[in-house]
Each structure stands twice: as C-alpha cells, then as structure tokens.
Amino acid sequence: MSSAFSPDQDPDDLALGQIGPALSRLRRRAPASGKDLSRNLVLNVIADAPGETTVGGLAAEMGIAQPVASRTVAACIQEGLLRRAASQADGRRTVLELTEHGEAERNRFAAEQRAAFEEITAAWSAEERIQFARLLVRYGADATAWSRRRAAGRD
C-alpha cells in the first residue's frame, strides 16, 4: 500500500485512511464483466429507487452523464431487462421499469456476488461474515441517504 506509515500513527486512524483504496479494490474485484457491472448497477438503482426513475434520475444517481445513461438504458431495453413506461404521476414523463427478465438477471447477479463473498470470506468465522455483511449493507443504505441529502442540498 502506498500510504506512508509512521510508527507513532494511530492504527485505527491508519485503518480509516485505507477506506477509499479498499472500496476501490472491492469495485475492481467484482466477479463480473464490465458489461454485467453496468447492467447490475442500472437494475439495482431502478429497483431500489423510492419512486419512479427516469433516465436523467438514473444518470444523477449513478453519477454519470445523461448520454452514457441513455446508451446503457438502450442496451438494457434491447436485452429485455428494462422497459419504458408512462409515469403514473405525470403521463408526459417516461420512466424505467424492470421486466421479469431484468428481475431474474438482478437475482442472478446477487447470487453470483453472494457466492463470491462466501468464497472470499471462507476463512472467516460465521459471526465475522454476518457482522461484515450487516455493516456493509448498512454502509450502502447510509451512503445512499447521504448522497440524496447532498443532491437535495444542491437543488
């Protein structure tokens, strides 16, 4: 690791300083192709959204440009993972919905990720696995809430 270590540095502070690189390594080591990762992200964002999701909303949530989101959505529609539908709140807007095939792919991705997690953590105790899983899920939920608060503050 490239972080400079000094003997008088607090070990807990050193561990906290490694959060960014560790999260980056997790993202790079995901057991899927780049195409699968993009599709999985799109499917999860749409499935987890508290309301309707548009292409613009998807782009904002993923932190990507709208043309990139549009191309990714078009590919997902072509593969039968998503469909466009009229908004129930405002019929002039087009929203994105998962298809049955999209939900099945989302479940397949989740199963692959669980299998990889179990293989990677095979040497961990059952208690360590569950604790880490709970904390990681909590981190994800809190990160989503934090991101939405920040986005709302910019409006």
N, C-alpha and C. Protein backbone atom coordinates (compact mmCIF):
# COMPACT_ATOMS: atom_id res chain seq x y z
N MET A 1 0.84 -1.17 0.00
CA MET A 1 0.00 0.00 0.00
C MET A 1 0.88 1.23 0.00
N SER A 2 0.45 2.24 -0.67
CA SER A 2 1.30 3.40 -0.87
C SER A 2 1.20 4.44 0.24
N SER A 3 0.28 4.27 1.17
CA SER A 3 0.16 5.25 2.25
C SER A 3 1.40 5.21 3.12
N ALA A 4 1.89 6.40 3.44
CA ALA A 4 3.06 6.48 4.30
C ALA A 4 2.64 6.12 5.72
N PHE A 5 3.45 5.31 6.38
CA PHE A 5 3.16 4.90 7.74
C PHE A 5 4.23 5.46 8.65
N SER A 6 3.79 6.07 9.73
CA SER A 6 4.76 6.50 10.72
C SER A 6 4.50 5.70 11.99
N PRO A 7 5.57 5.35 12.71
CA PRO A 7 5.44 4.49 13.89
C PRO A 7 4.50 5.06 14.95
N ASP A 8 4.37 6.38 14.99
CA ASP A 8 3.51 6.97 16.02
C ASP A 8 2.07 7.19 15.54
N GLN A 9 1.75 6.74 14.32
CA GLN A 9 0.39 6.90 13.80
C GLN A 9 -0.54 5.88 14.46
N ASP A 10 -1.71 6.35 14.86
CA ASP A 10 -2.71 5.51 15.49
C ASP A 10 -3.16 4.43 14.50
N PRO A 11 -3.14 3.15 14.89
CA PRO A 11 -3.54 2.07 13.97
C PRO A 11 -4.99 2.23 13.47
N ASP A 12 -5.88 2.73 14.33
CA ASP A 12 -7.27 2.94 13.91
C ASP A 12 -7.35 4.03 12.85
N ASP A 13 -6.56 5.10 13.02
CA ASP A 13 -6.53 6.17 12.04
C ASP A 13 -5.95 5.67 10.72
N LEU A 14 -4.95 4.82 10.80
CA LEU A 14 -4.37 4.23 9.61
C LEU A 14 -5.41 3.37 8.87
N ALA A 15 -6.16 2.57 9.63
CA ALA A 15 -7.21 1.74 9.02
C ALA A 15 -8.26 2.61 8.34
N LEU A 16 -8.68 3.68 9.00
CA LEU A 16 -9.68 4.58 8.41
C LEU A 16 -9.14 5.26 7.15
N GLY A 17 -7.86 5.51 7.13
CA GLY A 17 -7.25 6.11 5.95
C GLY A 17 -7.23 5.18 4.75
N GLN A 18 -7.43 3.90 4.97
CA GLN A 18 -7.43 2.92 3.89
C GLN A 18 -8.82 2.61 3.34
N ILE A 19 -9.84 3.28 3.86
CA ILE A 19 -11.22 3.02 3.41
C ILE A 19 -11.36 3.27 1.91
N GLY A 20 -10.92 4.42 1.42
CA GLY A 20 -11.07 4.74 0.00
C GLY A 20 -10.41 3.71 -0.91
N PRO A 21 -9.13 3.42 -0.69
CA PRO A 21 -8.49 2.39 -1.52
C PRO A 21 -9.15 1.02 -1.39
N ALA A 22 -9.62 0.67 -0.20
CA ALA A 22 -10.27 -0.63 -0.02
C ALA A 22 -11.57 -0.70 -0.81
N LEU A 23 -12.37 0.37 -0.77
CA LEU A 23 -13.61 0.39 -1.55
C LEU A 23 -13.32 0.34 -3.04
N SER A 24 -12.27 0.99 -3.45
CA SER A 24 -11.88 0.95 -4.86
C SER A 24 -11.49 -0.47 -5.28
N ARG A 25 -10.74 -1.16 -4.42
CA ARG A 25 -10.36 -2.54 -4.73
C ARG A 25 -11.58 -3.44 -4.80
N LEU A 26 -12.55 -3.23 -3.91
CA LEU A 26 -13.77 -4.03 -3.96
C LEU A 26 -14.46 -3.86 -5.31
N ARG A 27 -14.54 -2.65 -5.78
CA ARG A 27 -15.21 -2.36 -7.05
C ARG A 27 -14.47 -3.03 -8.21
N ARG A 28 -13.13 -2.98 -8.17
CA ARG A 28 -12.34 -3.57 -9.26
C ARG A 28 -12.36 -5.08 -9.24
N ARG A 29 -12.59 -5.68 -8.09
CA ARG A 29 -12.52 -7.13 -7.96
C ARG A 29 -13.89 -7.79 -8.05
N ALA A 30 -14.90 -7.04 -8.40
CA ALA A 30 -16.25 -7.62 -8.50
C ALA A 30 -16.22 -8.74 -9.53
N PRO A 31 -16.83 -9.88 -9.20
CA PRO A 31 -16.77 -11.05 -10.08
C PRO A 31 -17.77 -10.97 -11.24
N ALA A 32 -17.55 -10.02 -12.13
CA ALA A 32 -18.43 -9.87 -13.29
C ALA A 32 -17.70 -9.10 -14.36
N SER A 33 -18.18 -9.21 -15.58
CA SER A 33 -17.60 -8.41 -16.66
C SER A 33 -18.04 -6.96 -16.49
N GLY A 34 -17.37 -6.04 -17.17
CA GLY A 34 -17.75 -4.63 -17.12
C GLY A 34 -19.18 -4.42 -17.55
N LYS A 35 -19.60 -5.17 -18.55
CA LYS A 35 -20.98 -5.08 -19.04
C LYS A 35 -21.95 -5.51 -17.94
N ASP A 36 -21.65 -6.62 -17.27
CA ASP A 36 -22.51 -7.09 -16.19
C ASP A 36 -22.57 -6.08 -15.05
N LEU A 37 -21.43 -5.48 -14.72
CA LEU A 37 -21.41 -4.48 -13.64
C LEU A 37 -22.31 -3.31 -13.97
N SER A 38 -22.23 -2.80 -15.19
CA SER A 38 -23.06 -1.67 -15.58
C SER A 38 -24.54 -2.04 -15.53
N ARG A 39 -24.88 -3.19 -16.08
CA ARG A 39 -26.27 -3.63 -16.06
C ARG A 39 -26.75 -3.84 -14.63
N ASN A 40 -25.93 -4.45 -13.80
CA ASN A 40 -26.29 -4.70 -12.42
C ASN A 40 -26.54 -3.38 -11.68
N LEU A 41 -25.67 -2.40 -11.90
CA LEU A 41 -25.86 -1.10 -11.26
C LEU A 41 -27.19 -0.48 -11.70
N VAL A 42 -27.45 -0.49 -12.99
CA VAL A 42 -28.69 0.09 -13.51
C VAL A 42 -29.90 -0.62 -12.91
N LEU A 43 -29.91 -1.93 -12.94
CA LEU A 43 -31.05 -2.69 -12.42
C LEU A 43 -31.26 -2.43 -10.94
N ASN A 44 -30.18 -2.36 -10.17
CA ASN A 44 -30.31 -2.10 -8.74
C ASN A 44 -30.78 -0.68 -8.45
N VAL A 45 -30.27 0.28 -9.19
CA VAL A 45 -30.72 1.67 -8.97
C VAL A 45 -32.21 1.79 -9.22
N ILE A 46 -32.68 1.20 -10.31
CA ILE A 46 -34.11 1.28 -10.64
C ILE A 46 -34.95 0.52 -9.61
N ALA A 47 -34.51 -0.68 -9.25
CA ALA A 47 -35.27 -1.48 -8.29
C ALA A 47 -35.29 -0.84 -6.90
N ASP A 48 -34.20 -0.19 -6.51
CA ASP A 48 -34.09 0.38 -5.16
C ASP A 48 -34.63 1.80 -5.05
N ALA A 49 -34.98 2.42 -6.18
CA ALA A 49 -35.45 3.81 -6.16
C ALA A 49 -36.74 3.92 -5.35
N PRO A 50 -36.87 4.97 -4.57
CA PRO A 50 -38.09 5.12 -3.76
C PRO A 50 -39.32 5.47 -4.60
N GLY A 51 -39.13 5.90 -5.81
CA GLY A 51 -40.25 6.24 -6.68
C GLY A 51 -39.92 5.88 -8.10
N GLU A 52 -40.48 6.62 -9.02
CA GLU A 52 -40.22 6.38 -10.43
C GLU A 52 -38.83 6.88 -10.81
N THR A 53 -38.22 6.20 -11.78
CA THR A 53 -36.88 6.57 -12.22
C THR A 53 -36.90 6.90 -13.71
N THR A 54 -36.36 8.06 -14.03
CA THR A 54 -36.18 8.46 -15.43
C THR A 54 -34.73 8.25 -15.80
N VAL A 55 -34.41 8.39 -17.08
CA VAL A 55 -33.02 8.27 -17.50
C VAL A 55 -32.18 9.35 -16.80
N GLY A 56 -32.70 10.56 -16.71
CA GLY A 56 -31.98 11.64 -16.02
C GLY A 56 -31.75 11.33 -14.55
N GLY A 57 -32.76 10.77 -13.90
CA GLY A 57 -32.62 10.39 -12.49
C GLY A 57 -31.61 9.27 -12.31
N LEU A 58 -31.61 8.34 -13.24
CA LEU A 58 -30.64 7.26 -13.20
C LEU A 58 -29.23 7.81 -13.35
N ALA A 59 -29.04 8.72 -14.30
CA ALA A 59 -27.72 9.33 -14.51
C ALA A 59 -27.25 10.03 -13.24
N ALA A 60 -28.14 10.79 -12.62
CA ALA A 60 -27.78 11.51 -11.39
C ALA A 60 -27.42 10.54 -10.28
N GLU A 61 -28.21 9.50 -10.12
CA GLU A 61 -27.97 8.54 -9.05
C GLU A 61 -26.65 7.79 -9.25
N MET A 62 -26.31 7.51 -10.51
CA MET A 62 -25.07 6.78 -10.80
C MET A 62 -23.87 7.70 -10.93
N GLY A 63 -24.11 9.02 -11.00
CA GLY A 63 -23.01 9.96 -11.14
C GLY A 63 -22.37 9.91 -12.52
N ILE A 64 -23.19 9.70 -13.55
CA ILE A 64 -22.69 9.63 -14.92
C ILE A 64 -23.44 10.64 -15.79
N ALA A 65 -22.90 10.92 -16.96
CA ALA A 65 -23.55 11.84 -17.89
C ALA A 65 -24.81 11.20 -18.47
N GLN A 66 -25.79 12.04 -18.79
CA GLN A 66 -27.05 11.52 -19.30
C GLN A 66 -26.88 10.71 -20.60
N PRO A 67 -26.01 11.13 -21.54
CA PRO A 67 -25.84 10.30 -22.74
C PRO A 67 -25.31 8.90 -22.43
N VAL A 68 -24.45 8.79 -21.42
CA VAL A 68 -23.94 7.47 -21.02
C VAL A 68 -25.09 6.64 -20.46
N ALA A 69 -25.90 7.26 -19.61
CA ALA A 69 -27.06 6.57 -19.04
C ALA A 69 -28.02 6.15 -20.15
N SER A 70 -28.24 7.02 -21.11
CA SER A 70 -29.16 6.70 -22.23
C SER A 70 -28.68 5.48 -23.01
N ARG A 71 -27.37 5.42 -23.29
CA ARG A 71 -26.83 4.27 -24.02
C ARG A 71 -26.96 2.98 -23.20
N THR A 72 -26.69 3.08 -21.92
CA THR A 72 -26.79 1.90 -21.06
C THR A 72 -28.24 1.43 -20.97
N VAL A 73 -29.16 2.37 -20.82
CA VAL A 73 -30.58 2.03 -20.76
C VAL A 73 -31.03 1.41 -22.08
N ALA A 74 -30.60 1.99 -23.20
CA ALA A 74 -30.98 1.44 -24.51
C ALA A 74 -30.51 -0.01 -24.64
N ALA A 75 -29.30 -0.30 -24.18
CA ALA A 75 -28.79 -1.67 -24.23
C ALA A 75 -29.62 -2.59 -23.33
N CYS A 76 -30.00 -2.10 -22.15
CA CYS A 76 -30.81 -2.91 -21.24
C CYS A 76 -32.20 -3.16 -21.81
N ILE A 77 -32.75 -2.18 -22.49
CA ILE A 77 -34.07 -2.36 -23.13
C ILE A 77 -33.95 -3.38 -24.26
N GLN A 78 -32.89 -3.26 -25.06
CA GLN A 78 -32.68 -4.19 -26.16
C GLN A 78 -32.52 -5.63 -25.65
N GLU A 79 -31.90 -5.79 -24.48
CA GLU A 79 -31.71 -7.12 -23.90
C GLU A 79 -32.94 -7.61 -23.14
N GLY A 80 -33.98 -6.78 -23.08
CA GLY A 80 -35.22 -7.18 -22.41
C GLY A 80 -35.18 -7.06 -20.91
N LEU A 81 -34.22 -6.29 -20.38
CA LEU A 81 -34.08 -6.13 -18.93
C LEU A 81 -34.95 -5.00 -18.38
N LEU A 82 -35.17 -3.99 -19.21
CA LEU A 82 -35.95 -2.81 -18.82
C LEU A 82 -37.01 -2.54 -19.87
N ARG A 83 -38.00 -1.75 -19.47
CA ARG A 83 -38.99 -1.22 -20.41
C ARG A 83 -39.26 0.23 -20.03
N ARG A 84 -39.65 0.99 -21.01
CA ARG A 84 -40.08 2.37 -20.77
C ARG A 84 -41.59 2.34 -20.54
N ALA A 85 -42.05 3.19 -19.64
CA ALA A 85 -43.49 3.27 -19.35
C ALA A 85 -43.85 4.71 -19.06
N ALA A 86 -45.12 5.03 -19.20
CA ALA A 86 -45.60 6.37 -18.86
C ALA A 86 -45.64 6.49 -17.34
N SER A 87 -45.22 7.62 -16.84
CA SER A 87 -45.27 7.89 -15.41
C SER A 87 -46.71 7.87 -14.93
N GLN A 88 -46.95 7.28 -13.79
CA GLN A 88 -48.29 7.28 -13.20
C GLN A 88 -48.58 8.63 -12.54
N ALA A 89 -47.52 9.36 -12.18
CA ALA A 89 -47.67 10.67 -11.56
C ALA A 89 -47.83 11.79 -12.59
N ASP A 90 -47.17 11.62 -13.75
CA ASP A 90 -47.20 12.64 -14.81
C ASP A 90 -47.04 11.92 -16.13
N GLY A 91 -48.13 11.69 -16.82
CA GLY A 91 -48.15 10.91 -18.05
C GLY A 91 -47.26 11.45 -19.15
N ARG A 92 -46.76 12.68 -19.00
CA ARG A 92 -45.85 13.24 -20.01
C ARG A 92 -44.43 12.72 -19.84
N ARG A 93 -44.13 12.18 -18.67
CA ARG A 93 -42.78 11.67 -18.40
C ARG A 93 -42.69 10.19 -18.72
N THR A 94 -41.51 9.77 -19.14
CA THR A 94 -41.24 8.36 -19.38
C THR A 94 -40.35 7.86 -18.26
N VAL A 95 -40.74 6.75 -17.67
CA VAL A 95 -39.98 6.16 -16.57
C VAL A 95 -39.48 4.78 -16.98
N LEU A 96 -38.56 4.28 -16.19
CA LEU A 96 -37.96 2.97 -16.46
C LEU A 96 -38.47 1.95 -15.45
N GLU A 97 -38.74 0.75 -15.94
CA GLU A 97 -39.19 -0.34 -15.08
C GLU A 97 -38.42 -1.60 -15.43
N LEU A 98 -38.19 -2.44 -14.42
CA LEU A 98 -37.58 -3.74 -14.65
C LEU A 98 -38.62 -4.67 -15.28
N THR A 99 -38.18 -5.49 -16.19
CA THR A 99 -39.02 -6.55 -16.73
C THR A 99 -38.83 -7.79 -15.85
N GLU A 100 -39.57 -8.84 -16.12
CA GLU A 100 -39.36 -10.11 -15.41
C GLU A 100 -37.94 -10.61 -15.65
N HIS A 101 -37.49 -10.48 -16.89
CA HIS A 101 -36.12 -10.89 -17.23
C HIS A 101 -35.10 -10.04 -16.47
N GLY A 102 -35.38 -8.74 -16.34
CA GLY A 102 -34.50 -7.85 -15.60
C GLY A 102 -34.41 -8.24 -14.13
N GLU A 103 -35.54 -8.58 -13.55
CA GLU A 103 -35.55 -9.02 -12.14
C GLU A 103 -34.80 -10.33 -11.99
N ALA A 104 -34.96 -11.23 -12.96
CA ALA A 104 -34.23 -12.52 -12.91
C ALA A 104 -32.73 -12.29 -13.02
N GLU A 105 -32.31 -11.38 -13.89
CA GLU A 105 -30.87 -11.06 -14.02
C GLU A 105 -30.35 -10.42 -12.74
N ARG A 106 -31.13 -9.55 -12.15
CA ARG A 106 -30.74 -8.92 -10.87
C ARG A 106 -30.54 -10.00 -9.82
N ASN A 107 -31.43 -10.96 -9.75
CA ASN A 107 -31.29 -12.06 -8.80
C ASN A 107 -30.08 -12.93 -9.11
N ARG A 108 -29.81 -13.14 -10.40
CA ARG A 108 -28.63 -13.92 -10.80
C ARG A 108 -27.35 -13.22 -10.36
N PHE A 109 -27.28 -11.91 -10.60
CA PHE A 109 -26.11 -11.14 -10.17
C PHE A 109 -25.92 -11.24 -8.66
N ALA A 110 -27.02 -11.11 -7.93
CA ALA A 110 -26.95 -11.18 -6.47
C ALA A 110 -26.44 -12.54 -6.01
N ALA A 111 -26.89 -13.60 -6.66
CA ALA A 111 -26.43 -14.95 -6.30
C ALA A 111 -24.94 -15.11 -6.59
N GLU A 112 -24.48 -14.59 -7.73
CA GLU A 112 -23.05 -14.65 -8.06
C GLU A 112 -22.22 -13.88 -7.03
N GLN A 113 -22.73 -12.71 -6.65
CA GLN A 113 -21.99 -11.90 -5.68
C GLN A 113 -21.96 -12.56 -4.31
N ARG A 114 -23.05 -13.20 -3.93
CA ARG A 114 -23.06 -13.92 -2.65
C ARG A 114 -22.07 -15.07 -2.69
N ALA A 115 -22.05 -15.82 -3.78
CA ALA A 115 -21.11 -16.94 -3.90
C ALA A 115 -19.66 -16.44 -3.82
N ALA A 116 -19.38 -15.33 -4.47
CA ALA A 116 -18.03 -14.77 -4.41
C ALA A 116 -17.70 -14.33 -2.99
N PHE A 117 -18.66 -13.68 -2.31
CA PHE A 117 -18.45 -13.26 -0.92
C PHE A 117 -18.14 -14.45 -0.04
N GLU A 118 -18.89 -15.53 -0.21
CA GLU A 118 -18.68 -16.72 0.61
C GLU A 118 -17.32 -17.35 0.33
N GLU A 119 -16.90 -17.34 -0.93
CA GLU A 119 -15.60 -17.90 -1.27
C GLU A 119 -14.47 -17.02 -0.72
N ILE A 120 -14.61 -15.71 -0.89
CA ILE A 120 -13.58 -14.77 -0.42
C ILE A 120 -13.43 -14.83 1.10
N THR A 121 -14.54 -14.99 1.79
CA THR A 121 -14.53 -14.97 3.26
C THR A 121 -14.56 -16.37 3.87
N ALA A 122 -14.18 -17.37 3.10
CA ALA A 122 -14.25 -18.76 3.58
C ALA A 122 -13.48 -18.98 4.88
N ALA A 123 -12.40 -18.25 5.07
CA ALA A 123 -11.59 -18.43 6.28
C ALA A 123 -12.12 -17.63 7.47
N TRP A 124 -13.16 -16.84 7.25
CA TRP A 124 -13.75 -16.04 8.34
C TRP A 124 -14.71 -16.91 9.14
N SER A 125 -14.91 -16.51 10.38
CA SER A 125 -15.94 -17.19 11.17
C SER A 125 -17.32 -16.76 10.66
N ALA A 126 -18.32 -17.57 10.95
CA ALA A 126 -19.70 -17.23 10.55
C ALA A 126 -20.10 -15.88 11.15
N GLU A 127 -19.69 -15.64 12.37
CA GLU A 127 -20.01 -14.37 13.04
C GLU A 127 -19.36 -13.18 12.31
N GLU A 128 -18.11 -13.34 11.89
CA GLU A 128 -17.43 -12.27 11.15
C GLU A 128 -18.13 -11.99 9.82
N ARG A 129 -18.51 -13.04 9.12
CA ARG A 129 -19.21 -12.88 7.84
C ARG A 129 -20.50 -12.09 8.02
N ILE A 130 -21.31 -12.52 8.98
CA ILE A 130 -22.61 -11.86 9.20
C ILE A 130 -22.41 -10.43 9.65
N GLN A 131 -21.47 -10.19 10.55
CA GLN A 131 -21.22 -8.83 11.02
C GLN A 131 -20.78 -7.93 9.86
N PHE A 132 -19.86 -8.41 9.04
CA PHE A 132 -19.39 -7.62 7.91
C PHE A 132 -20.54 -7.37 6.93
N ALA A 133 -21.32 -8.42 6.63
CA ALA A 133 -22.44 -8.26 5.71
C ALA A 133 -23.43 -7.22 6.22
N ARG A 134 -23.77 -7.29 7.48
CA ARG A 134 -24.71 -6.31 8.05
C ARG A 134 -24.14 -4.90 7.98
N LEU A 135 -22.88 -4.75 8.32
CA LEU A 135 -22.27 -3.42 8.29
C LEU A 135 -22.14 -2.89 6.86
N LEU A 136 -21.83 -3.77 5.91
CA LEU A 136 -21.72 -3.35 4.52
C LEU A 136 -23.08 -2.91 3.98
N VAL A 137 -24.13 -3.66 4.30
CA VAL A 137 -25.48 -3.28 3.88
C VAL A 137 -25.86 -1.95 4.52
N ARG A 138 -25.55 -1.79 5.79
CA ARG A 138 -25.84 -0.53 6.49
C ARG A 138 -25.07 0.62 5.85
N TYR A 139 -23.80 0.40 5.54
CA TYR A 139 -22.99 1.42 4.89
C TYR A 139 -23.62 1.83 3.56
N GLY A 140 -24.05 0.85 2.77
CA GLY A 140 -24.68 1.15 1.49
C GLY A 140 -25.94 1.98 1.65
N ALA A 141 -26.78 1.63 2.60
CA ALA A 141 -28.01 2.39 2.84
C ALA A 141 -27.69 3.80 3.32
N ASP A 142 -26.74 3.92 4.23
CA ASP A 142 -26.37 5.25 4.73
C ASP A 142 -25.71 6.09 3.65
N ALA A 143 -24.92 5.46 2.78
CA ALA A 143 -24.29 6.18 1.67
C ALA A 143 -25.34 6.70 0.70
N THR A 144 -26.36 5.90 0.44
CA THR A 144 -27.45 6.33 -0.44
C THR A 144 -28.17 7.53 0.16
N ALA A 145 -28.49 7.46 1.44
CA ALA A 145 -29.17 8.58 2.11
C ALA A 145 -28.29 9.83 2.10
N TRP A 146 -27.02 9.66 2.37
CA TRP A 146 -26.07 10.79 2.37
C TRP A 146 -26.02 11.43 0.99
N SER A 147 -25.93 10.60 -0.05
CA SER A 147 -25.86 11.10 -1.42
C SER A 147 -27.13 11.87 -1.79
N ARG A 148 -28.28 11.35 -1.40
CA ARG A 148 -29.55 12.03 -1.70
C ARG A 148 -29.66 13.35 -0.96
N ARG A 149 -29.20 13.39 0.29
CA ARG A 149 -29.21 14.67 1.04
C ARG A 149 -28.32 15.69 0.36
N ARG A 150 -27.15 15.26 -0.09
CA ARG A 150 -26.23 16.18 -0.79
C ARG A 150 -26.85 16.70 -2.07
N ALA A 151 -27.47 15.80 -2.83
CA ALA A 151 -28.09 16.19 -4.10
C ALA A 151 -29.24 17.16 -3.84
N ALA A 152 -30.03 16.93 -2.79
CA ALA A 152 -31.15 17.81 -2.46
C ALA A 152 -30.63 19.19 -2.05
N GLY A 153 -29.48 19.23 -1.39
CA GLY A 153 -28.89 20.50 -0.97
C GLY A 153 -28.40 21.34 -2.12
N ARG A 154 -28.09 20.70 -3.25
CA ARG A 154 -27.62 21.42 -4.44
C ARG A 154 -28.76 22.00 -5.26
N ASP A 155 -29.97 21.49 -5.03
CA ASP A 155 -31.12 21.96 -5.81
C ASP A 155 -31.59 23.33 -5.40
